[in-house]
Structures are given as C-alpha cells and as structure tokens.
Protein backbone atom coordinates (compact mmCIF):
# COMPACT_ATOMS: atom_id res chain seq x y z
CA MET A 1 -72.28 28.94 7.39
CA GLY A 2 -74.99 30.70 9.33
CA VAL A 3 -76.75 27.49 10.34
CA PRO A 4 -73.93 26.03 12.50
CA LEU A 5 -72.56 29.43 13.59
CA TRP A 6 -75.82 30.85 14.93
CA PRO A 7 -76.08 28.52 17.97
CA LEU A 8 -72.40 29.15 18.72
CA HIS A 9 -73.04 32.89 18.53
CA GLN A 10 -75.92 32.56 20.96
CA ALA A 11 -73.76 30.53 23.35
CA ALA A 12 -70.46 32.41 23.24
CA GLY A 13 -70.90 35.61 21.22
CA ILE A 14 -69.03 35.62 17.90
CA GLU A 15 -66.83 38.71 17.58
CA ARG A 16 -65.12 37.95 14.24
CA ILE A 17 -65.48 35.51 11.33
CA VAL A 18 -62.83 34.56 8.77
CA VAL A 19 -64.25 32.27 6.07
CA SER A 20 -62.98 30.79 2.81
CA THR A 21 -65.71 29.31 0.63
CA TYR A 22 -65.31 26.65 -2.04
CA GLN A 23 -68.41 27.08 -4.18
CA SER A 24 -69.67 24.50 -6.63
CA ALA A 25 -70.63 25.13 -10.25
CA SER A 26 -74.33 24.90 -9.37
CA GLY A 27 -74.01 28.22 -7.54
CA ALA A 28 -73.44 29.86 -10.93
CA GLY A 29 -76.48 28.19 -12.47
CA ALA A 30 -77.39 25.42 -14.90
CA GLN A 31 -75.14 26.77 -17.65
CA ALA A 32 -72.09 26.52 -15.41
CA MET A 33 -72.98 22.94 -14.43
CA ALA A 34 -73.43 21.96 -18.08
CA GLU A 35 -70.11 23.56 -18.95
CA LEU A 36 -68.26 21.66 -16.20
CA GLU A 37 -69.87 18.37 -17.31
CA SER A 38 -68.91 19.07 -20.94
CA GLN A 39 -65.32 19.87 -20.02
CA SER A 40 -65.11 16.76 -17.82
CA ARG A 41 -66.29 14.53 -20.68
CA ALA A 42 -63.87 16.22 -23.10
CA HIS A 43 -60.99 15.78 -20.66
CA ALA A 44 -61.81 12.10 -20.18
CA GLY A 45 -61.87 11.62 -23.94
CA ALA A 46 -58.73 13.76 -24.44
CA SER A 47 -60.67 16.06 -26.77
CA ARG A 48 -61.00 19.80 -26.47
CA SER A 49 -64.24 21.51 -25.40
CA ARG A 50 -65.04 25.15 -26.02
CA ARG A 51 -65.88 27.63 -23.31
CA LYS A 52 -69.38 28.95 -23.85
CA PHE A 53 -70.32 30.42 -20.48
CA SER A 54 -67.22 31.40 -18.47
CA ALA A 55 -63.97 33.17 -19.32
CA SER A 56 -61.83 30.27 -18.09
CA ASP A 57 -62.02 26.49 -18.15
CA ARG A 58 -63.80 25.17 -15.05
CA LEU A 59 -62.11 21.81 -15.00
CA GLN A 60 -58.97 21.51 -12.85
CA ARG A 61 -59.16 25.17 -11.85
CA PHE A 62 -60.11 27.21 -8.81
CA LEU A 63 -61.75 30.34 -10.20
CA PRO A 64 -61.88 33.56 -8.20
CA GLN A 65 -65.25 35.30 -8.20
CA TYR A 66 -65.20 38.42 -10.35
CA LEU A 67 -67.06 41.77 -10.29
CA HIS A 68 -65.13 43.42 -7.48
CA ARG A 69 -66.76 46.36 -5.74
CA ALA A 70 -65.10 49.53 -4.50
CA ASN A 71 -64.43 47.95 -1.09
CA GLY A 72 -62.10 45.37 -2.68
CA TYR A 73 -64.40 42.39 -2.12
CA ASN A 74 -66.05 40.61 -5.02
CA GLU A 75 -69.78 40.07 -5.43
CA GLU A 76 -69.93 36.70 -3.67
CA GLU A 77 -67.74 37.86 -0.79
CA ASN A 78 -69.94 40.90 -0.22
CA LYS A 79 -73.01 38.65 -0.19
CA VAL A 80 -71.44 36.44 2.48
CA ILE A 81 -70.60 39.47 4.61
CA GLU A 82 -73.85 41.39 4.16
CA GLU A 83 -76.22 38.42 4.46
CA THR A 84 -74.49 37.03 7.57
CA ARG A 85 -74.66 40.42 9.29
CA LYS A 86 -78.33 40.71 8.36
CA ILE A 87 -79.25 37.21 9.58
CA PHE A 88 -77.31 37.65 12.83
CA HIS A 89 -78.69 41.20 13.41
CA GLU A 90 -75.07 42.34 13.74
CA PRO A 91 -74.56 45.15 11.18
CA GLU A 92 -70.94 45.78 12.25
CA LEU A 93 -69.79 42.16 12.76
CA PRO A 94 -66.22 41.90 11.40
CA ILE A 95 -66.15 39.29 8.62
CA VAL A 96 -63.31 38.47 6.23
CA ALA A 97 -64.51 36.37 3.28
CA THR A 98 -62.71 34.75 0.35
CA CYS A 99 -64.91 33.05 -2.27
CA ILE A 100 -63.59 30.62 -4.88
CA ARG A 101 -65.49 28.62 -7.51
CA VAL A 102 -64.30 24.99 -7.62
CA PRO A 103 -64.83 22.22 -10.22
CA VAL A 104 -67.59 20.44 -8.28
CA LEU A 105 -71.19 20.10 -9.49
CA ARG A 106 -73.17 20.36 -6.24
CA ALA A 107 -72.72 21.55 -2.64
CA HIS A 108 -70.58 24.35 -1.25
CA SER A 109 -67.86 23.86 1.38
CA GLU A 110 -66.29 26.34 3.78
CA SER A 111 -63.33 26.71 6.10
CA ILE A 112 -64.34 28.89 9.04
CA VAL A 113 -62.49 30.56 11.91
CA ILE A 114 -64.47 32.40 14.58
CA GLU A 115 -63.36 34.45 17.55
CA THR A 116 -65.77 34.51 20.48
CA ARG A 117 -66.25 36.62 23.59
CA ARG A 118 -65.76 33.58 25.78
CA ALA A 119 -63.73 30.50 25.02
CA LEU A 120 -65.43 27.46 23.48
CA SER A 121 -63.88 24.05 23.90
CA PRO A 122 -64.27 21.52 21.08
CA GLU A 123 -66.36 19.39 23.41
CA GLU A 124 -68.76 22.23 24.22
CA ALA A 125 -69.00 23.23 20.56
CA ARG A 126 -69.84 19.64 19.56
CA GLU A 127 -72.46 19.46 22.28
CA ILE A 128 -74.09 22.71 21.12
CA LEU A 129 -74.06 21.70 17.46
CA SER A 130 -75.34 18.19 18.15
CA LYS A 131 -78.56 19.79 19.44
CA ALA A 132 -78.80 22.55 16.82
CA PRO A 133 -81.63 22.31 14.25
CA GLY A 134 -80.49 21.75 10.67
CA VAL A 135 -76.94 20.73 11.67
CA LYS A 136 -75.32 17.33 11.35
CA VAL A 137 -71.98 16.98 13.16
CA VAL A 138 -69.55 14.97 11.03
CA ASP A 139 -66.31 14.73 12.94
CA SER A 140 -64.57 11.36 13.08
CA ARG A 141 -60.82 11.67 13.41
CA GLU A 142 -60.39 7.90 13.72
CA LYS A 143 -62.06 7.31 10.33
CA ASN A 144 -60.77 10.57 8.80
CA HIS A 145 -64.39 11.50 8.07
CA PHE A 146 -65.20 15.21 7.84
CA PRO A 147 -67.70 17.35 5.88
CA CYS A 148 -67.18 17.23 2.14
CA ARG A 149 -69.11 18.11 -0.97
CA SER A 150 -69.99 14.54 -1.96
CA LYS A 151 -72.92 12.35 -0.88
CA PRO A 152 -72.95 13.42 2.80
CA ALA A 153 -73.47 17.06 1.77
CA ALA A 154 -75.23 17.02 -1.61
CA SER A 155 -78.97 16.42 -1.77
CA THR A 156 -79.52 16.89 1.97
CA THR A 157 -81.39 19.66 3.76
CA SER A 158 -78.95 19.91 6.67
CA SER A 159 -75.57 21.60 6.93
CA SER A 160 -72.68 19.32 7.86
CA ALA A 161 -70.25 20.77 10.40
CA ALA A 162 -66.99 19.59 11.90
CA SER A 163 -66.33 21.11 15.30
CA ALA A 164 -62.78 19.93 15.12
CA ARG A 165 -60.21 22.28 16.57
CA THR A 166 -59.56 25.28 18.75
CA SER A 167 -56.97 27.89 17.88
CA ARG A 168 -54.08 28.90 20.10
CA THR A 169 -54.84 32.58 19.52
CA ARG A 170 -57.57 34.28 21.59
CA ALA A 171 -60.95 32.59 22.02
CA ALA A 172 -61.01 31.12 18.53
CA TRP A 173 -62.53 28.02 16.99
CA ARG A 174 -61.78 26.44 13.60
CA SER A 175 -64.31 24.45 11.62
CA SER A 176 -65.23 23.16 8.21
CA SER A 177 -68.77 23.06 6.85
CA ALA A 178 -70.50 21.69 3.76
CA GLY A 179 -74.03 21.77 2.41
CA ASP A 180 -76.19 21.56 -0.68
CA GLN A 181 -76.90 25.24 -1.33
CA LEU A 182 -79.70 24.41 -3.77
CA LEU A 183 -81.63 23.02 -0.80
CA LYS A 184 -80.44 24.75 2.38
CA GLY A 185 -80.28 28.39 1.43
CA ALA A 186 -82.76 28.13 -1.44
CA ALA A 187 -85.51 25.53 -1.96
CA TRP A 188 -85.60 24.11 1.57
CA ASN A 189 -85.47 27.60 3.08
CA ALA A 190 -88.58 28.51 1.08
CA VAL A 191 -90.40 25.47 2.48
CA GLN A 192 -89.34 26.31 6.05
CA ILE A 193 -90.47 29.94 5.68
CA LEU A 194 -93.84 28.78 4.33
CA GLU A 195 -94.22 26.39 7.28
CA GLU A 196 -93.60 29.26 9.70
CA LEU A 197 -96.13 31.48 7.92
CA VAL A 198 -98.93 28.91 8.09
CA LYS A 199 -98.44 28.06 11.77
C-alpha cells in the first residue's frame, strides 16, 4: 500500500486512509500454504482433509485475523497502521484497517480509500503513479483489467495499482492494489536496502 500511496501523499497530502486487505496464505507462512494446497486437493477429490495448522478450513473461507489487542484492532491491522505511520513519518495519521486472510497462495490485494488535503483527479493520480518507482498502473476499463492476485501481481517486484475512481465525498480517491508480499515488502526490500547501503 505504501508504495503507490507515498507519491500521492507527497503530491496532495494524505489526511486519512481506509484500507481493507485480502491477504494470501503465504503471509502466514509455508505451513499455511501447504494447508491450503492440501485442502484444495481434498476438495477436488471430494475427500476430507484435516486441519493441522489453523483453527478453520482455509478453502472457500475468508478468515479474520485473530489476536486482537486492547485497541480493538487485530495483530495484522495494527501492523498496517503502525508501519504505514512509521514509513510516512506521520505518527498521528488516521488509518482504519481491516485485514482478512483469503484462500489464495501468493500476493496480497487491497481496497484503499484516501482523503487528501487537495483534490486529486483520476487523471492526475494516474500521471503521478505512472512515474512512481516500483508502481505499475493497471487500469483498463475497456478490457476490465485491474490489479489482482494472479500472474500480474505474483512473482513481481512492483506493486500494481489502479487509479480508478474519485469519491463524491471530500477530496477522496478510491483505488485497488496488489503485490507479491514475499518480494516487495520482504526479499526485494532487503535487496533495495543493501543497494542503498553500498552506494
């Protein structure tokens, strides 16, 4: 989320973020991926597979993230809020986050609404994002092609973003985003940090 939002923040000043994340099994580790694959094979063969890692079946379910803190947000939601504020150097930035685990092996997706100090048109947002490092704008209404968790998002080091719509309320902008979190956010981030250190 931070990759496409940062250039928009620099251009128009983000005052509030509302995000719903749809997180793949890989975000919970190799055991979760193996469990989803096992349940998928069992479902295809009409047999029953046992849960070994999670409390609920992963297949055909959206699972809320558990371990709620005292503030009412769960562990993943707090990470989204705290890490975004840290990266943006905005310790009081209002962020509302909802995090759900979905039955997908790789790549997270997000639905994002931002409110900005000055209005951003879809055209200006697309122009900003088309020049932003690490962002690939995927926004074809004619072909009904938008960011998703499949091949365009998985196994790539960029974050896909659709700068699709403005809201009718305040200076708001609605978007969807997808990316392979095992690369951007983890492995690829480590490479980029190392490159900066050796410059």
